[in-house]
Amino acid sequence: MNKIPVFLFLWISMACANAQITKQVTLFNGRNLNKWEGDKTLWHLDAGGVVTAGELTVRQEQNDFLATKRNYKNYTLHLDFKLEGGIGFINAGVQIHSQRSTKPPLHEMIGYQVDMGNGFWASIYDESRRDRTIASADQERVKTILHENDWNHYEIRCIGRRIVVLLNGVQTVDYTEPENEFPAEGKIALQIHGNGNAKVSYKNIFLQKAKKP
């Protein structure tokens, strides 16, 4: 008789542990930007619960970011995105483990970026720090899975110093940061890049908490 309560206790404990691992946190509810901070005259909500920035007929002069108010670590981030444009440098990205710059240029963020744009899709760029791509996706392979000028999905797994990127369900890079001084936590942010007539859209933004490494 004593075995039954013990079994139930173990089963409940395992179920609770699994629920903790897969707990979903909604970052964007499609109705407002209460969990985000940034230039709300540039970043706005469109019909269908989509947050957008930029216009195809207007040049975006500088980089700009809509960032979470909170810091996050050890998670899998999911989001849908669409990048459109044809004049100038058409680019955007998703910042992770990042912070706002406290020194000029103040419109920048510092940290890892999962990139968007020709030659950079699904790669990892180190924004305002090393200022270079640190993990390059095979762009020929990317062409076979990317929906150009249409909706795509990023899954970004962040466990400790390891970052894994999937584009439309296909893994493109698996990078582990060897330099311990770079933080493995921070804000998540949405970017529109400067120097182009571009429009970027994001929706269905949520994360799942993961086990600590």
Protein backbone atom coordinates (compact mmCIF):
# COMPACT_ATOMS: atom_id res chain seq x y z
CA MET A 1 0.00 0.00 0.00
CA ASN A 2 2.86 2.37 0.75
CA LYS A 3 4.23 1.95 -2.77
CA ILE A 4 1.29 3.70 -4.40
CA PRO A 5 1.75 7.09 -2.73
CA VAL A 6 5.49 6.96 -3.44
CA PHE A 7 4.87 6.21 -7.10
CA LEU A 8 2.34 9.00 -7.36
CA PHE A 9 4.73 11.40 -5.66
CA LEU A 10 7.51 10.56 -8.13
CA TRP A 11 5.16 10.86 -11.10
CA ILE A 12 3.85 14.24 -9.96
CA SER A 13 7.40 15.47 -9.30
CA MET A 14 8.53 14.47 -12.79
CA ALA A 15 5.46 16.08 -14.36
CA CYS A 16 6.06 19.31 -12.47
CA ALA A 17 9.73 19.33 -13.46
CA ASN A 18 8.84 18.84 -17.11
CA ALA A 19 6.21 21.58 -16.91
CA GLN A 20 8.85 23.92 -15.50
CA ILE A 21 11.21 23.14 -18.36
CA THR A 22 8.59 23.85 -21.01
CA LYS A 23 6.85 26.80 -19.35
CA GLN A 24 5.80 29.24 -22.06
CA VAL A 25 6.20 32.99 -21.60
CA THR A 26 4.31 35.23 -24.02
CA LEU A 27 6.39 38.30 -24.86
CA PHE A 28 3.93 39.86 -27.31
CA ASN A 29 0.18 39.48 -26.88
CA GLY A 30 -0.74 41.10 -30.21
CA ARG A 31 -2.74 43.85 -28.48
CA ASN A 32 -0.14 46.16 -26.93
CA LEU A 33 3.60 46.61 -26.34
CA ASN A 34 3.46 46.68 -22.54
CA LYS A 35 6.43 44.30 -22.15
CA TRP A 36 8.58 46.32 -24.56
CA GLU A 37 10.38 49.67 -24.63
CA GLY A 38 11.53 51.77 -27.57
CA ASP A 39 10.41 54.41 -30.04
CA LYS A 40 6.66 53.80 -30.19
CA THR A 41 6.32 56.29 -33.05
CA LEU A 42 8.43 53.96 -35.20
CA TRP A 43 7.30 50.61 -33.79
CA HIS A 44 3.55 50.13 -33.95
CA LEU A 45 0.83 47.51 -34.10
CA ASP A 46 -0.82 46.57 -37.37
CA ALA A 47 -3.98 44.57 -37.95
CA GLY A 48 -3.77 40.92 -37.02
CA GLY A 49 -1.51 41.42 -34.02
CA VAL A 50 1.67 42.28 -35.92
CA VAL A 51 4.34 44.72 -34.72
CA THR A 52 6.06 46.59 -37.55
CA ALA A 53 8.69 49.24 -38.23
CA GLY A 54 9.70 51.08 -41.38
CA GLU A 55 8.05 51.88 -44.70
CA LEU A 56 8.88 50.77 -48.22
CA THR A 57 8.69 54.35 -49.49
CA VAL A 58 10.77 55.96 -46.73
CA ARG A 59 14.48 55.49 -45.99
CA GLN A 60 15.25 54.25 -42.47
CA GLU A 61 18.17 56.47 -41.48
CA GLN A 62 19.61 54.47 -38.56
CA ASN A 63 19.30 51.20 -36.69
CA ASP A 64 16.48 51.04 -34.20
CA PHE A 65 15.41 48.45 -31.64
CA LEU A 66 12.28 47.53 -29.72
CA ALA A 67 13.52 45.76 -26.59
CA THR A 68 12.00 43.78 -23.75
CA LYS A 69 11.92 45.52 -20.41
CA ARG A 70 13.22 42.38 -18.69
CA ASN A 71 16.37 40.30 -19.06
CA TYR A 72 16.12 36.60 -19.95
CA LYS A 73 18.43 33.57 -19.92
CA ASN A 74 18.21 29.85 -20.67
CA TYR A 75 15.26 29.72 -23.05
CA THR A 76 14.06 28.88 -26.52
CA LEU A 77 12.68 31.92 -28.35
CA HIS A 78 10.07 31.55 -31.09
CA LEU A 79 8.89 34.28 -33.46
CA ASP A 80 7.57 34.82 -36.96
CA PHE A 81 9.06 37.60 -39.09
CA LYS A 82 8.83 39.17 -42.52
CA LEU A 83 11.42 41.48 -44.08
CA GLU A 84 10.50 43.52 -47.15
CA GLY A 85 12.31 46.13 -49.22
CA GLY A 86 14.34 46.71 -52.34
CA ILE A 87 16.19 50.03 -52.11
CA GLY A 88 19.36 50.31 -50.06
CA PHE A 89 20.57 47.94 -47.33
CA ILE A 90 17.60 45.72 -46.43
CA ASN A 91 18.35 44.10 -43.11
CA ALA A 92 16.95 43.41 -39.64
CA GLY A 93 17.51 40.99 -36.80
CA VAL A 94 16.68 39.65 -33.37
CA GLN A 95 18.89 40.60 -30.45
CA ILE A 96 19.51 38.16 -27.59
CA HIS A 97 21.64 38.52 -24.44
CA SER A 98 21.75 42.25 -25.21
CA GLN A 99 21.65 45.66 -23.50
CA ARG A 100 21.04 49.22 -24.63
CA SER A 101 24.20 51.19 -25.35
CA THR A 102 24.99 53.76 -22.65
CA LYS A 103 27.54 55.52 -24.86
CA PRO A 104 27.03 57.12 -28.29
CA PRO A 105 25.52 56.03 -30.56
CA LEU A 106 22.70 55.62 -28.04
CA HIS A 107 20.29 54.12 -30.57
CA GLU A 108 22.39 50.92 -30.69
CA MET A 109 22.21 47.71 -28.69
CA ILE A 110 25.14 45.57 -27.62
CA GLY A 111 25.00 41.80 -27.91
CA TYR A 112 24.26 38.86 -30.16
CA GLN A 113 21.97 39.27 -33.16
CA VAL A 114 20.32 36.54 -35.17
CA ASP A 115 20.55 38.29 -38.51
CA MET A 116 18.14 38.86 -41.42
CA GLY A 117 18.97 39.98 -44.95
CA ASN A 118 20.81 38.87 -48.07
CA GLY A 119 24.11 37.25 -47.18
CA PHE A 120 23.29 37.21 -43.46
CA TRP A 121 20.13 35.13 -43.05
CA ALA A 122 20.03 32.93 -39.93
CA SER A 123 23.62 33.80 -38.96
CA ILE A 124 24.81 35.30 -35.66
CA TYR A 125 26.27 38.81 -35.68
CA ASP A 126 27.93 40.45 -32.67
CA GLU A 127 26.26 43.88 -32.60
CA SER A 128 28.27 46.92 -31.37
CA ARG A 129 30.91 44.69 -29.76
CA ARG A 130 33.04 42.73 -32.22
CA ASP A 131 30.96 44.10 -35.12
CA ARG A 132 31.25 40.98 -37.22
CA THR A 133 29.48 37.73 -38.02
CA ILE A 134 30.61 35.11 -35.50
CA ALA A 135 28.61 32.16 -36.85
CA SER A 136 27.74 32.03 -40.56
CA ALA A 137 24.85 30.05 -41.99
CA ASP A 138 25.23 28.37 -45.38
CA GLN A 139 23.42 30.94 -47.53
CA GLU A 140 22.97 28.54 -50.46
CA ARG A 141 21.17 26.15 -48.14
CA VAL A 142 19.19 29.02 -46.62
CA LYS A 143 17.82 29.90 -50.08
CA THR A 144 16.09 26.50 -50.18
CA ILE A 145 14.18 27.09 -46.94
CA LEU A 146 13.66 30.88 -46.84
CA HIS A 147 10.32 32.44 -47.87
CA GLU A 148 11.61 35.69 -49.33
CA ASN A 149 9.40 38.75 -48.72
CA ASP A 150 7.03 36.53 -46.75
CA TRP A 151 6.63 35.08 -43.28
CA ASN A 152 9.38 32.90 -41.79
CA HIS A 153 9.98 31.40 -38.37
CA TYR A 154 13.03 31.63 -36.12
CA GLU A 155 13.62 29.26 -33.24
CA ILE A 156 16.56 30.48 -31.15
CA ARG A 157 17.82 28.18 -28.39
CA CYS A 158 19.91 29.85 -25.70
CA ILE A 159 21.41 27.54 -23.08
CA GLY A 160 24.26 29.09 -21.15
CA ARG A 161 26.82 30.31 -23.70
CA ARG A 162 25.44 28.10 -26.48
CA ILE A 163 23.15 29.54 -29.19
CA VAL A 164 21.41 27.34 -31.78
CA VAL A 165 19.39 28.91 -34.61
CA LEU A 166 16.68 27.21 -36.67
CA LEU A 167 15.06 28.84 -39.70
CA ASN A 168 11.69 27.34 -40.60
CA GLY A 169 12.59 24.25 -38.58
CA VAL A 170 16.05 23.71 -40.12
CA GLN A 171 19.17 24.28 -38.01
CA THR A 172 21.53 26.84 -39.54
CA VAL A 173 24.16 27.53 -36.84
CA ASP A 174 25.27 26.07 -33.51
CA TYR A 175 27.60 28.45 -31.68
CA THR A 176 29.17 28.36 -28.23
CA GLU A 177 30.80 31.56 -27.00
CA PRO A 178 34.38 30.88 -25.81
CA GLU A 179 34.84 34.31 -24.22
CA ASN A 180 33.47 34.15 -20.68
CA GLU A 181 33.25 37.91 -20.13
CA PHE A 182 30.27 38.19 -22.50
CA PRO A 183 27.00 37.75 -20.56
CA ALA A 184 24.76 34.78 -21.33
CA GLU A 185 21.63 36.74 -20.45
CA GLY A 186 20.03 40.06 -21.30
CA LYS A 187 17.24 41.70 -23.22
CA ILE A 188 15.57 40.38 -26.34
CA ALA A 189 15.08 43.02 -29.03
CA LEU A 190 13.67 43.42 -32.53
CA GLN A 191 15.74 45.41 -35.02
CA ILE A 192 15.20 47.38 -38.18
CA HIS A 193 18.50 48.31 -39.87
CA GLY A 194 19.31 51.75 -41.19
CA ASN A 195 20.25 52.84 -44.73
CA GLY A 196 17.39 51.24 -46.60
CA ASN A 197 13.74 51.49 -47.59
CA ALA A 198 12.63 48.54 -45.54
CA LYS A 199 9.68 47.26 -43.57
CA VAL A 200 10.03 44.53 -40.96
CA SER A 201 7.17 42.73 -39.24
CA TYR A 202 7.11 40.40 -36.24
CA LYS A 203 4.40 38.30 -34.57
CA ASN A 204 3.79 35.23 -32.38
CA ILE A 205 6.69 36.08 -30.07
CA PHE A 206 7.12 33.78 -27.08
CA LEU A 207 9.79 31.86 -25.22
CA GLN A 208 10.00 28.56 -23.40
CA LYS A 209 12.13 28.38 -20.30
CA ALA A 210 14.83 25.73 -20.45
CA LYS A 211 17.00 23.78 -18.07
CA LYS A 212 20.09 25.48 -16.75
CA PRO A 213 23.29 24.14 -18.38
